Amino acid sequence: QVQLVESGGASVPASGSLRLSCTVSGTSLRGNTVYWHRQPPGRNQEWVATITGSGLIHYRDSVKDRFTASREDTQNMVFLQLNKVKPEDSGVYYCQMILGIRAYWGHGTQVTVSA
């Protein structure tokens, strides 16, 4: 059974940093693309970043130059480093994988940025 588990969420002040992790089990991370999404309070879920199986990375414009996605296939883990965070970065962060026609999501980790 494929499972994704996010961790690392915390309450931080604006301009602070934190590192989110996504641990994948039940399948190999190698070669698979992982997506990071977030759901800000009271708003729709939004895509944050993609890291492909070959290591290509894409970010939404509002987090470019502040967030860094990375992966460690030997550990079956994906990371999202958040730097210079802003209150609008607050929300529940999720990682997602799509295998075949099925999408797998973690339960999310809460990030709260105080002004």
C-alpha atoms as a PDB file:
ATOM      1  CA  GLN A   1       0.000   0.000   0.000  1.00  0.00           C
ATOM      2  CA  VAL A   2       1.444   3.313  -1.067  1.00  0.00           C
ATOM      3  CA  GLN A   3       1.581   5.916   1.683  1.00  0.00           C
ATOM      4  CA  LEU A   4       2.918   9.427   1.867  1.00  0.00           C
ATOM      5  CA  VAL A   5       3.574  11.074   5.204  1.00  0.00           C
ATOM      6  CA  GLU A   6       4.442  14.731   5.542  1.00  0.00           C
ATOM      7  CA  SER A   7       6.271  16.173   8.517  1.00  0.00           C
ATOM      8  CA  GLY A   8       8.124  19.287   9.586  1.00  0.00           C
ATOM      9  CA  GLY A   9       5.282  21.741   9.783  1.00  0.00           C
ATOM     10  CA  ALA A  10       5.529  24.337  12.534  1.00  0.00           C
ATOM     11  CA  SER A  11       4.636  27.828  13.634  1.00  0.00           C
ATOM     12  CA  VAL A  12       7.335  30.263  12.602  1.00  0.00           C
ATOM     13  CA  PRO A  13       7.683  34.029  12.418  1.00  0.00           C
ATOM     14  CA  ALA A  14       7.771  35.813   9.091  1.00  0.00           C
ATOM     15  CA  SER A  15      11.189  35.623   7.399  1.00  0.00           C
ATOM     16  CA  GLY A  16      11.882  32.355   9.166  1.00  0.00           C
ATOM     17  CA  SER A  17      12.673  28.975   7.685  1.00  0.00           C
ATOM     18  CA  LEU A  18      11.521  25.413   7.991  1.00  0.00           C
ATOM     19  CA  ARG A  19      11.953  22.154   6.148  1.00  0.00           C
ATOM     20  CA  LEU A  20       9.122  19.871   5.217  1.00  0.00           C
ATOM     21  CA  SER A  21       9.611  16.200   4.524  1.00  0.00           C
ATOM     22  CA  CYS A  22       7.536  13.701   2.622  1.00  0.00           C
ATOM     23  CA  THR A  23       8.278  10.062   3.311  1.00  0.00           C
ATOM     24  CA  VAL A  24       7.055   7.569   0.742  1.00  0.00           C
ATOM     25  CA  SER A  25       6.412   3.924   1.521  1.00  0.00           C
ATOM     26  CA  GLY A  26       4.935   1.022  -0.393  1.00  0.00           C
ATOM     27  CA  THR A  27       6.703   1.956  -3.621  1.00  0.00           C
ATOM     28  CA  SER A  28      10.041   3.235  -4.774  1.00  0.00           C
ATOM     29  CA  LEU A  29      10.354   6.960  -5.126  1.00  0.00           C
ATOM     30  CA  ARG A  30      12.943   6.505  -7.851  1.00  0.00           C
ATOM     31  CA  GLY A  31      11.773   7.803 -11.199  1.00  0.00           C
ATOM     32  CA  ASN A  32       8.510   9.179  -9.843  1.00  0.00           C
ATOM     33  CA  THR A  33       7.362  12.760  -9.800  1.00  0.00           C
ATOM     34  CA  VAL A  34       6.234  14.296  -6.524  1.00  0.00           C
ATOM     35  CA  TYR A  35       4.081  17.368  -6.157  1.00  0.00           C
ATOM     36  CA  TRP A  36       3.797  19.747  -3.235  1.00  0.00           C
ATOM     37  CA  HIS A  37       0.505  21.512  -2.687  1.00  0.00           C
ATOM     38  CA  ARG A  38      -0.856  23.672   0.065  1.00  0.00           C
ATOM     39  CA  GLN A  39      -4.213  24.789   1.307  1.00  0.00           C
ATOM     40  CA  PRO A  40      -4.201  28.239   2.838  1.00  0.00           C
ATOM     41  CA  PRO A  41      -6.871  28.868   5.459  1.00  0.00           C
ATOM     42  CA  GLY A  42     -10.171  29.725   3.840  1.00  0.00           C
ATOM     43  CA  ARG A  43      -8.824  29.298   0.330  1.00  0.00           C
ATOM     44  CA  ASN A  44      -8.628  26.635  -2.334  1.00  0.00           C
ATOM     45  CA  GLN A  45      -5.763  24.225  -2.491  1.00  0.00           C
ATOM     46  CA  GLU A  46      -2.898  25.431  -4.674  1.00  0.00           C
ATOM     47  CA  TRP A  47       0.076  23.808  -6.305  1.00  0.00           C
ATOM     48  CA  VAL A  48       3.437  24.809  -4.864  1.00  0.00           C
ATOM     49  CA  ALA A  49       6.176  22.804  -6.532  1.00  0.00           C
ATOM     50  CA  THR A  50       6.955  19.764  -8.636  1.00  0.00           C
ATOM     51  CA  ILE A  51      10.064  17.663  -8.557  1.00  0.00           C
ATOM     52  CA  THR A  52      10.272  15.126 -11.347  1.00  0.00           C
ATOM     53  CA  GLY A  53      11.879  11.720 -11.277  1.00  0.00           C
ATOM     54  CA  SER A  54      14.851  13.137 -13.148  1.00  0.00           C
ATOM     55  CA  GLY A  55      15.216  16.038 -10.732  1.00  0.00           C
ATOM     56  CA  LEU A  56      13.617  18.839 -12.717  1.00  0.00           C
ATOM     57  CA  ILE A  57      11.918  21.285 -10.403  1.00  0.00           C
ATOM     58  CA  HIS A  58       9.166  23.803 -10.989  1.00  0.00           C
ATOM     59  CA  TYR A  59       7.712  26.326  -8.548  1.00  0.00           C
ATOM     60  CA  ARG A  60       4.717  28.565  -8.410  1.00  0.00           C
ATOM     61  CA  ASP A  61       5.791  32.146  -8.955  1.00  0.00           C
ATOM     62  CA  SER A  62       5.077  33.326  -5.427  1.00  0.00           C
ATOM     63  CA  VAL A  63       7.579  30.895  -3.884  1.00  0.00           C
ATOM     64  CA  LYS A  64      10.372  31.030  -6.437  1.00  0.00           C
ATOM     65  CA  ASP A  65      13.695  32.062  -4.894  1.00  0.00           C
ATOM     66  CA  ARG A  66      12.347  31.262  -1.425  1.00  0.00           C
ATOM     67  CA  PHE A  67      11.403  27.569  -1.528  1.00  0.00           C
ATOM     68  CA  THR A  68      13.639  24.711  -2.599  1.00  0.00           C
ATOM     69  CA  ALA A  69      12.433  21.229  -3.404  1.00  0.00           C
ATOM     70  CA  SER A  70      14.794  18.270  -3.285  1.00  0.00           C
ATOM     71  CA  ARG A  71      14.667  14.514  -3.145  1.00  0.00           C
ATOM     72  CA  GLU A  72      16.668  11.656  -1.726  1.00  0.00           C
ATOM     73  CA  ASP A  73      15.611   8.533  -3.555  1.00  0.00           C
ATOM     74  CA  THR A  74      17.747   6.238  -1.399  1.00  0.00           C
ATOM     75  CA  GLN A  75      15.671   7.325   1.594  1.00  0.00           C
ATOM     76  CA  ASN A  76      12.394   7.479  -0.318  1.00  0.00           C
ATOM     77  CA  MET A  77      12.011  11.060   0.807  1.00  0.00           C
ATOM     78  CA  VAL A  78      11.241  14.404  -0.748  1.00  0.00           C
ATOM     79  CA  PHE A  79      11.868  17.726   0.924  1.00  0.00           C
ATOM     80  CA  LEU A  80      10.620  21.271   0.663  1.00  0.00           C
ATOM     81  CA  GLN A  81      12.809  23.932   2.221  1.00  0.00           C
ATOM     82  CA  LEU A  82      10.872  27.087   3.009  1.00  0.00           C
ATOM     83  CA  ASN A  83      12.922  30.235   3.487  1.00  0.00           C
ATOM     84  CA  LYS A  84      11.906  33.830   4.068  1.00  0.00           C
ATOM     85  CA  VAL A  85       8.388  32.673   4.759  1.00  0.00           C
ATOM     86  CA  LYS A  86       5.480  35.087   4.657  1.00  0.00           C
ATOM     87  CA  PRO A  87       2.099  34.951   6.390  1.00  0.00           C
ATOM     88  CA  GLU A  88       0.536  34.042   3.052  1.00  0.00           C
ATOM     89  CA  ASP A  89       2.628  30.856   3.053  1.00  0.00           C
ATOM     90  CA  SER A  90       0.530  29.560   5.925  1.00  0.00           C
ATOM     91  CA  GLY A  91      -1.543  26.483   5.288  1.00  0.00           C
ATOM     92  CA  VAL A  92      -1.564  22.729   5.259  1.00  0.00           C
ATOM     93  CA  TYR A  93       1.136  21.371   2.984  1.00  0.00           C
ATOM     94  CA  TYR A  94       0.610  18.113   1.158  1.00  0.00           C
ATOM     95  CA  CYS A  95       2.779  15.918  -1.001  1.00  0.00           C
ATOM     96  CA  GLN A  96       1.298  13.902  -3.815  1.00  0.00           C
ATOM     97  CA  MET A  97       2.351  11.169  -6.209  1.00  0.00           C
ATOM     98  CA  ILE A  98       0.529   9.865  -9.248  1.00  0.00           C
ATOM     99  CA  LEU A  99       1.125   6.227 -10.103  1.00  0.00           C
ATOM    100  CA  GLY A 100      -0.707   5.122 -13.188  1.00  0.00           C
ATOM    101  CA  ILE A 101      -4.186   6.558 -12.885  1.00  0.00           C
ATOM    102  CA  ARG A 102      -4.154   6.805  -9.116  1.00  0.00           C
ATOM    103  CA  ALA A 103      -3.151   9.790  -7.046  1.00  0.00           C
ATOM    104  CA  TYR A 104      -1.734   9.339  -3.567  1.00  0.00           C
ATOM    105  CA  TRP A 105      -1.794  12.059  -0.954  1.00  0.00           C
ATOM    106  CA  GLY A 106      -0.419  12.457   2.496  1.00  0.00           C
ATOM    107  CA  HIS A 107      -2.482  13.851   5.356  1.00  0.00           C
ATOM    108  CA  GLY A 108      -0.613  17.123   5.330  1.00  0.00           C
ATOM    109  CA  THR A 109       1.502  19.129   7.721  1.00  0.00           C
ATOM    110  CA  GLN A 110       0.515  22.524   9.106  1.00  0.00           C
ATOM    111  CA  VAL A 111       2.628  25.594   8.495  1.00  0.00           C
ATOM    112  CA  THR A 112       1.692  28.768  10.305  1.00  0.00           C
ATOM    113  CA  VAL A 113       3.589  31.980   9.674  1.00  0.00           C
ATOM    114  CA  SER A 114       3.019  34.856  12.038  1.00  0.00           C
ATOM    115  CA  ALA A 115       3.497  38.441  10.961  1.00  0.00           C
END
